[in-house]
């Protein structure tokens, strides 16, 4: 098998794309309301009804792990009240219901969810609104509300697998918001707040049931990803069963509930060198310090095996943080070639895991 796998592909970055990449997985659908989610105009008819097929589409995509939000020119209180009455309000995260530009609302949704603009699809019945968003945010897919009957069949809205984490994604994002609100209210040092979360971080060799989520992580994670490479289920299974590779998954839970499987590490084990081919973490755990814990776990395994640890980094416009993480965690750059940076880790002194984390590691 090649260094990056037979079907591995480098993920494209969001902010440099000139137009929306229709082959890229959509993470969030942002909906207009009038003549899109419902028939009619709410301010003219307070009893507007949902358009045929819309509720089913929202629920189907939610089951696939695709999030939903709103960008609508409307009265916020009236629109949310009607969505509550229709049983749909719970599906929409960070709804932007105001009188501003739709592009500003879409951007606000992306920032609130911490996802790339190139992973958003915007649906509106008005050509003017779609054109305004397309001009201001060319990375965003803009869909005519007339296309709604075929929405759930669009390839970019059909992830290969629907995992347990996919089905719980909306709830996990809502829990994240509760955590953020609690942290903003907390008057004290961050470590004190983290200690109150009761976090349990588990690292283990990937099992066969983990592979669907592992593939999903390589496809969805762009910011905290050392190489931007994607791996298929079949490639990951080959790594999992190979004596020459170590495939690790990481999961996190706290008092507010599970974050799910949020980390992945792929190590190629040589006689003298261990090679960290891929390290990624979900952006939802960026501030929890678990990336360093996973790195240090791999460093300890390499040290105990008497090996040197080498790591790859392929720079993109979105993963600068991973370069900083390598430098912060005692990796020294040893080469640059063909757009790939190679690091060597200092294994002489590996710090203990933070006291606020209950770390349970195997393998």
Protein backbone atom coordinates (compact mmCIF):
# COMPACT_ATOMS: atom_id res chain seq x y z
CA UNK A 1 0.00 0.00 0.00
CA UNK A 2 1.27 3.48 -0.80
CA UNK A 3 2.20 6.05 1.82
CA UNK A 4 -1.18 7.76 1.61
CA UNK A 5 -3.32 4.82 0.51
CA UNK A 6 -4.56 3.83 -2.90
CA UNK A 7 -7.56 6.14 -2.95
CA UNK A 8 -6.45 8.83 -0.51
CA UNK A 9 -7.14 12.38 -1.61
CA UNK A 10 -5.89 15.65 -0.20
CA UNK A 11 -8.76 17.72 1.17
CA UNK A 12 -9.25 21.11 -0.43
CA UNK A 13 -9.37 24.19 1.77
CA UNK A 14 -12.48 26.29 2.11
CA UNK A 15 -11.23 29.84 2.13
CA UNK A 16 -9.22 29.61 -1.10
CA UNK A 17 -11.85 27.91 -3.24
CA UNK A 18 -13.11 30.24 -5.96
CA UNK A 19 -16.41 28.41 -6.35
CA UNK A 20 -18.32 25.79 -4.40
CA UNK A 21 -16.90 22.27 -4.78
CA UNK A 22 -19.99 20.21 -5.51
CA UNK A 23 -18.11 17.01 -4.67
CA UNK A 24 -17.36 18.07 -1.10
CA UNK A 25 -19.51 16.77 1.74
CA UNK A 26 -22.07 19.26 3.04
CA UNK A 27 -22.00 19.65 6.82
CA UNK A 28 -24.85 22.15 7.18
CA UNK A 29 -27.88 23.18 5.13
CA UNK A 30 -28.93 26.80 5.68
CA UNK A 31 -32.58 27.40 4.85
CA UNK A 32 -34.59 30.44 3.85
CA UNK A 33 -38.11 30.34 5.35
CA UNK A 34 -40.75 32.13 3.22
CA UNK A 35 -41.61 30.10 0.09
CA UNK A 36 -38.81 27.66 1.02
CA UNK A 37 -39.42 25.92 4.35
CA UNK A 38 -43.06 26.94 4.26
CA UNK A 39 -45.52 28.12 1.65
CA UNK A 40 -46.31 31.82 1.75
CA UNK A 41 -44.96 34.79 3.70
CA UNK A 42 -45.12 34.61 7.50
CA UNK A 43 -45.74 38.34 7.98
CA UNK A 44 -48.78 38.10 5.69
CA UNK A 45 -50.10 34.78 7.03
CA UNK A 46 -49.12 33.74 10.54
CA UNK A 47 -50.44 30.20 9.91
CA UNK A 48 -48.11 29.31 7.03
CA UNK A 49 -47.71 25.56 6.46
CA UNK A 50 -44.60 23.53 5.70
CA UNK A 51 -44.00 22.81 2.03
CA UNK A 52 -44.52 19.18 1.02
CA UNK A 53 -41.45 17.05 1.63
CA UNK A 54 -39.49 19.67 3.57
CA UNK A 55 -39.98 18.21 7.04
CA UNK A 56 -39.06 14.74 5.81
CA UNK A 57 -35.94 16.10 4.10
CA UNK A 58 -34.86 17.92 7.26
CA UNK A 59 -35.29 14.79 9.38
CA UNK A 60 -33.57 12.54 6.82
CA UNK A 61 -30.52 14.79 6.59
CA UNK A 62 -30.45 15.13 10.37
CA UNK A 63 -30.24 11.31 10.63
CA UNK A 64 -27.25 11.44 8.28
CA UNK A 65 -25.46 13.88 10.58
CA UNK A 66 -26.04 16.95 8.42
CA UNK A 67 -26.85 20.03 10.46
CA UNK A 68 -29.48 22.67 9.70
CA UNK A 69 -29.67 26.41 10.23
CA UNK A 70 -31.61 29.41 8.89
CA UNK A 71 -30.83 32.61 6.98
CA UNK A 72 -34.13 34.45 6.63
CA UNK A 73 -35.33 38.04 6.38
CA UNK A 74 -38.08 37.84 8.96
CA UNK A 75 -39.21 38.72 12.44
CA UNK A 76 -37.14 36.45 14.68
CA UNK A 77 -39.68 35.93 17.44
CA UNK A 78 -42.58 35.23 15.06
CA UNK A 79 -40.53 32.87 12.89
CA UNK A 80 -39.20 30.83 15.82
CA UNK A 81 -42.67 30.62 17.34
CA UNK A 82 -44.08 29.23 14.10
CA UNK A 83 -41.21 26.75 13.78
CA UNK A 84 -41.96 25.57 17.33
CA UNK A 85 -45.61 25.08 16.42
CA UNK A 86 -44.60 23.10 13.34
CA UNK A 87 -42.26 20.86 15.35
CA UNK A 88 -39.15 21.96 13.44
CA UNK A 89 -37.42 24.50 15.70
CA UNK A 90 -35.25 21.88 17.42
CA UNK A 91 -33.50 21.01 14.14
CA UNK A 92 -32.05 24.49 13.51
CA UNK A 93 -28.76 25.51 15.15
CA UNK A 94 -27.81 29.19 15.46
CA UNK A 95 -30.72 30.42 13.27
CA UNK A 96 -30.07 33.84 11.71
CA UNK A 97 -33.46 35.52 11.36
CA UNK A 98 -33.03 39.24 10.81
CA UNK A 99 -33.22 41.94 8.14
CA UNK A 100 -29.59 41.85 7.11
CA UNK A 101 -27.88 40.38 4.06
CA UNK A 102 -28.25 36.61 3.66
CA UNK A 103 -24.51 36.27 3.07
CA UNK A 104 -23.80 37.79 6.47
CA UNK A 105 -26.22 35.34 8.05
CA UNK A 106 -24.62 32.37 6.31
CA UNK A 107 -21.18 33.50 7.42
CA UNK A 108 -22.42 33.83 11.00
CA UNK A 109 -23.71 30.26 10.91
CA UNK A 110 -20.35 28.97 9.65
CA UNK A 111 -18.51 30.84 12.39
CA UNK A 112 -20.89 29.68 15.12
CA UNK A 113 -20.54 26.04 14.04
CA UNK A 114 -16.81 26.42 13.31
CA UNK A 115 -17.11 24.84 9.87
CA UNK A 116 -15.84 25.88 6.45
CA UNK A 117 -18.01 27.88 4.08
CA UNK A 118 -17.36 25.23 1.46
CA UNK A 119 -19.29 22.73 3.60
CA UNK A 120 -22.50 24.79 3.58
CA UNK A 121 -25.47 24.57 1.20
CA UNK A 122 -27.88 27.53 1.11
CA UNK A 123 -31.47 27.08 -0.11
CA UNK A 124 -33.64 30.02 -1.18
CA UNK A 125 -36.51 30.55 -3.62
CA UNK A 126 -35.31 34.02 -4.69
CA UNK A 127 -32.64 34.28 -7.45
CA UNK A 128 -31.52 37.64 -6.04
CA UNK A 129 -30.77 36.13 -2.63
CA UNK A 130 -28.90 33.19 -4.13
CA UNK A 131 -26.89 35.53 -6.33
CA UNK A 132 -26.05 37.77 -3.37
CA UNK A 133 -24.73 34.81 -1.37
CA UNK A 134 -22.88 33.37 -4.38
CA UNK A 135 -21.16 36.70 -5.03
CA UNK A 136 -20.16 37.32 -1.41
CA UNK A 137 -19.42 33.69 -0.51
CA UNK A 138 -18.51 31.78 -3.69
CA UNK A 139 -17.55 28.70 -1.65
CA UNK A 140 -21.18 28.15 -0.60
CA UNK A 141 -23.46 25.93 -2.71
CA UNK A 142 -26.62 27.85 -3.54
CA UNK A 143 -29.70 25.77 -4.35
CA UNK A 144 -33.07 26.86 -5.73
CA UNK A 145 -35.98 25.92 -3.48
CA UNK A 146 -37.51 24.35 -6.60
CA UNK A 147 -34.82 21.64 -6.26
CA UNK A 148 -36.17 20.49 -2.89
CA UNK A 149 -37.82 17.27 -4.17
CA UNK A 150 -34.36 15.88 -5.03
CA UNK A 151 -32.46 17.41 -2.13
CA UNK A 152 -31.77 14.23 -0.17
CA UNK A 153 -30.47 12.51 -3.32
CA UNK A 154 -27.70 15.04 -4.01
CA UNK A 155 -24.34 13.22 -3.75
CA UNK A 156 -22.85 15.87 -1.45
CA UNK A 157 -25.73 15.26 0.98
CA UNK A 158 -25.33 11.49 0.97
CA UNK A 159 -22.38 10.54 3.21
CA UNK A 160 -21.21 6.98 2.70
CA UNK A 161 -22.02 6.02 6.30
CA UNK A 162 -24.46 7.23 8.95
CA UNK A 163 -22.69 6.47 12.22
CA UNK A 164 -23.85 6.76 15.82
CA UNK A 165 -21.91 10.02 16.01
CA UNK A 166 -23.71 11.22 12.86
CA UNK A 167 -27.12 10.57 14.36
CA UNK A 168 -26.15 12.38 17.57
CA UNK A 169 -24.36 15.28 15.88
CA UNK A 170 -27.08 17.87 16.41
CA UNK A 171 -27.39 17.00 20.10
CA UNK A 172 -23.60 17.14 20.50
CA UNK A 173 -23.48 20.59 18.93
CA UNK A 174 -26.23 21.75 21.28
CA UNK A 175 -24.26 20.36 24.23
CA UNK A 176 -21.21 22.27 22.95
CA UNK A 177 -23.19 25.49 23.11
CA UNK A 178 -24.21 24.76 26.70
CA UNK A 179 -20.54 24.17 27.56
CA UNK A 180 -19.52 27.44 25.90
CA UNK A 181 -22.20 29.36 27.76
CA UNK A 182 -21.07 27.81 31.06
CA UNK A 183 -17.44 28.67 30.32
CA UNK A 184 -18.31 32.28 29.50
CA UNK A 185 -20.14 32.59 32.82
CA UNK A 186 -17.33 30.96 34.82
CA UNK A 187 -15.22 33.46 36.77
CA UNK A 188 -11.86 31.77 37.12
CA UNK A 189 -8.93 30.20 35.34
CA UNK A 190 -9.60 27.90 32.37
CA UNK A 191 -7.96 24.91 34.06
CA UNK A 192 -10.39 25.31 36.96
CA UNK A 193 -13.33 25.26 34.57
CA UNK A 194 -11.95 22.24 32.72
CA UNK A 195 -11.51 20.39 36.02
CA UNK A 196 -15.22 20.87 36.72
CA UNK A 197 -16.21 19.22 33.45
CA UNK A 198 -15.24 15.72 34.62
CA UNK A 199 -13.70 14.85 31.24
CA UNK A 200 -12.78 11.27 30.36
CA UNK A 201 -10.50 10.84 27.37
CA UNK A 202 -10.16 7.32 25.94
CA UNK A 203 -7.51 6.18 23.44
CA UNK A 204 -7.59 2.70 21.95
CA UNK A 205 -6.62 0.76 18.84
CA UNK A 206 -9.41 1.00 16.28
CA UNK A 207 -11.78 -1.92 16.08
CA UNK A 208 -13.88 -2.89 13.09
CA UNK A 209 -16.94 -1.00 14.49
CA UNK A 210 -14.83 2.20 14.60
CA UNK A 211 -13.96 2.27 10.90
CA UNK A 212 -17.06 4.02 9.57
CA UNK A 213 -16.55 6.91 11.97
CA UNK A 214 -12.79 6.88 11.25
CA UNK A 215 -13.47 7.33 7.53
CA UNK A 216 -15.96 10.08 8.32
CA UNK A 217 -13.35 11.88 10.44
CA UNK A 218 -10.80 11.93 7.63
CA UNK A 219 -13.44 13.32 5.25
CA UNK A 220 -14.89 15.95 7.60
CA UNK A 221 -11.85 17.21 9.53
CA UNK A 222 -9.96 20.00 7.76
CA UNK A 223 -8.63 22.37 10.42
CA UNK A 224 -6.97 20.03 12.93
CA UNK A 225 -5.64 17.58 10.36
CA UNK A 226 -1.89 17.20 9.84
CA UNK A 227 -2.00 16.14 6.20
CA UNK A 228 -5.54 16.75 4.84
CA UNK A 229 -5.57 13.17 3.55
CA UNK A 230 -8.74 11.09 3.40
CA UNK A 231 -8.81 7.31 3.78
CA UNK A 232 -11.53 4.90 2.79
CA UNK A 233 -13.07 2.32 5.08
CA UNK A 234 -11.18 -0.41 3.22
CA UNK A 235 -7.83 1.35 3.59
CA UNK A 236 -8.40 1.95 7.27
CA UNK A 237 -9.35 -1.68 7.75
CA UNK A 238 -6.09 -2.71 6.08
CA UNK A 239 -4.15 -0.46 8.46
CA UNK A 240 -6.13 -1.83 11.42
CA UNK A 241 -5.16 -5.43 10.62
CA UNK A 242 -1.57 -4.69 9.55
CA UNK A 243 1.30 -5.63 11.85
CA UNK A 244 3.18 -2.63 10.48
CA UNK A 245 0.57 -0.03 11.39
CA UNK A 246 -1.16 1.30 14.47
CA UNK A 247 -4.55 2.96 14.03
CA UNK A 248 -5.78 4.73 17.16
CA UNK A 249 -9.12 6.37 17.88
CA UNK A 250 -9.85 8.85 20.65
CA UNK A 251 -13.16 9.70 22.29
CA UNK A 252 -14.20 12.24 24.91
CA UNK A 253 -17.07 12.59 27.36
CA UNK A 254 -17.85 15.06 30.15
CA UNK A 255 -20.66 16.05 32.48
CA UNK A 256 -22.66 17.47 29.57
CA UNK A 257 -22.51 14.25 27.55
CA UNK A 258 -20.38 12.60 24.85
CA UNK A 259 -18.36 14.44 22.24
CA UNK A 260 -18.15 11.13 20.37
CA UNK A 261 -15.07 9.85 18.58
CA UNK A 262 -13.08 13.00 17.99
CA UNK A 263 -9.51 11.92 17.19
CA UNK A 264 -7.52 9.61 14.94
CA UNK A 265 -3.83 8.72 14.67
CA UNK A 266 -2.20 6.51 12.06
CA UNK A 267 1.34 5.29 12.75
CA UNK A 268 3.54 3.22 10.45
CA UNK A 269 5.90 1.14 12.60
CA UNK A 270 9.40 0.58 11.22
CA UNK A 271 12.31 -1.16 12.91
CA UNK A 272 14.08 2.08 13.74
CA UNK A 273 11.51 4.78 12.99
CA UNK A 274 7.82 5.07 13.77
CA UNK A 275 6.12 7.38 11.30
CA UNK A 276 3.03 9.38 12.31
CA UNK A 277 1.29 9.51 8.93
CA UNK A 278 -1.90 11.21 10.11
CA UNK A 279 -3.10 12.97 13.23
CA UNK A 280 -6.46 14.70 13.40
CA UNK A 281 -8.82 16.06 16.02
CA UNK A 282 -12.33 17.45 15.77
CA UNK A 283 -12.41 21.23 16.00
CA UNK A 284 -15.06 20.87 18.71
CA UNK A 285 -12.35 19.83 21.21
CA UNK A 286 -9.74 22.38 20.16
CA UNK A 287 -9.65 24.06 23.58
CA UNK A 288 -9.64 20.89 25.70
CA UNK A 289 -5.96 20.00 25.35
CA UNK A 290 -6.68 16.47 24.17
CA UNK A 291 -4.62 16.82 20.99
CA UNK A 292 -1.47 17.09 23.09
CA UNK A 293 -2.55 14.06 25.12
CA UNK A 294 -2.95 11.94 21.98
CA UNK A 295 0.42 13.12 20.65
CA UNK A 296 2.12 12.30 23.96
CA UNK A 297 0.52 8.84 23.98
CA UNK A 298 2.02 8.09 20.56
CA UNK A 299 5.37 9.49 21.73
CA UNK A 300 5.39 7.17 24.75
CA UNK A 301 4.57 4.15 22.60
CA UNK A 302 7.43 4.96 20.22
CA UNK A 303 9.86 5.59 23.09
CA UNK A 304 8.92 2.32 24.79
CA UNK A 305 9.48 0.48 21.49
CA UNK A 306 12.96 2.01 21.24
CA UNK A 307 12.03 3.84 18.03
CA UNK A 308 12.41 7.38 16.76
CA UNK A 309 9.11 9.16 16.01
CA UNK A 310 8.79 10.96 12.68
CA UNK A 311 5.69 12.96 11.73
CA UNK A 312 4.31 14.36 8.48
CA UNK A 313 2.68 17.73 8.02
CA UNK A 314 1.19 19.02 4.75
CA UNK A 315 0.36 22.73 5.09
CA UNK A 316 -2.99 24.07 3.95
CA UNK A 317 -4.73 27.38 4.54
CA UNK A 318 -6.70 25.86 7.41
CA UNK A 319 -4.40 23.57 9.41
CA UNK A 320 -1.74 25.98 10.62
CA UNK A 321 -2.75 25.06 14.18
CA UNK A 322 -1.40 21.53 13.67
CA UNK A 323 2.01 22.88 12.66
CA UNK A 324 2.00 24.95 15.86
CA UNK A 325 0.97 21.86 17.84
CA UNK A 326 3.93 19.88 16.55
CA UNK A 327 6.34 22.69 17.45
CA UNK A 328 4.72 23.18 20.87
CA UNK A 329 4.98 19.46 21.61
CA UNK A 330 8.69 19.06 21.02
CA UNK A 331 8.86 18.21 17.31
CA UNK A 332 11.73 19.65 15.26
CA UNK A 333 11.47 20.18 11.53
CA UNK A 334 13.97 17.96 9.70
CA UNK A 335 13.01 18.35 6.04
CA UNK A 336 10.72 20.02 3.48
CA UNK A 337 10.07 18.40 0.15
CA UNK A 338 7.24 18.53 -2.40
CA UNK A 339 5.01 20.53 -0.06
CA UNK A 340 5.48 18.08 2.82
CA UNK A 341 7.14 19.00 6.12
CA UNK A 342 8.75 16.23 8.15
CA UNK A 343 9.31 16.45 11.90
CA UNK A 344 11.23 14.38 14.45
CA UNK A 345 9.94 14.20 18.02
CA UNK A 346 11.97 14.76 21.17
CA UNK A 347 11.20 11.66 23.25
CA UNK A 348 13.61 12.44 26.08
CA UNK A 349 11.07 14.29 28.19
CA UNK A 350 7.33 13.68 27.76
CA UNK A 351 5.12 15.69 30.14
CA UNK A 352 2.37 14.02 32.17
CA UNK A 353 -1.25 14.32 31.12
CA UNK A 354 -3.16 17.30 32.56
CA UNK A 355 -4.76 16.73 35.95
CA UNK A 356 -8.19 17.85 34.71
CA UNK A 357 -8.41 14.84 32.35
CA UNK A 358 -9.15 11.25 33.23
CA UNK A 359 -7.06 9.57 30.50
CA UNK A 360 -7.67 5.91 29.74
CA UNK A 361 -5.27 4.60 27.12
CA UNK A 362 -4.70 1.18 25.61
CA UNK A 363 -2.41 0.05 22.83
